[in-house]
């Protein structure tokens, strides 16, 4: 929530005319080397943004699975579950929220799991 609040203040200070699109980063792998909210904190973060950060708009959720894990499906499934909970809390259709999951090494599995966005580079 601290980062969301800081982003909201930065948008306000910049007199941004439209809300900044944000994705909730969910730490599905449990790795200390990665950041993001824990899966069970996702709804409270979404609620904080929608109630206290008028300069932000949630467009979806994203995750990065454990590096080198040949079976990233549990991370992707966890993000799906988080999206459903967030959508219910926000009163929107789950399909209106993007799912960003998958990178160069696991994009095929991410697409098969329903990713709407994949990072490359």
Foldseek 3Di string as FASTA:
>chain_A
DVVLVVVLVVCVVVVPVAADEDAFEEELAPDPVDDGHHLVCLQVVLVCCVVPRPSYDYQAYEYEHDPPPPDRVSSLVSRLVSLVVNCVSVVHDSVSHAYEYEEDVCVVVNVVSPHPHYDYD
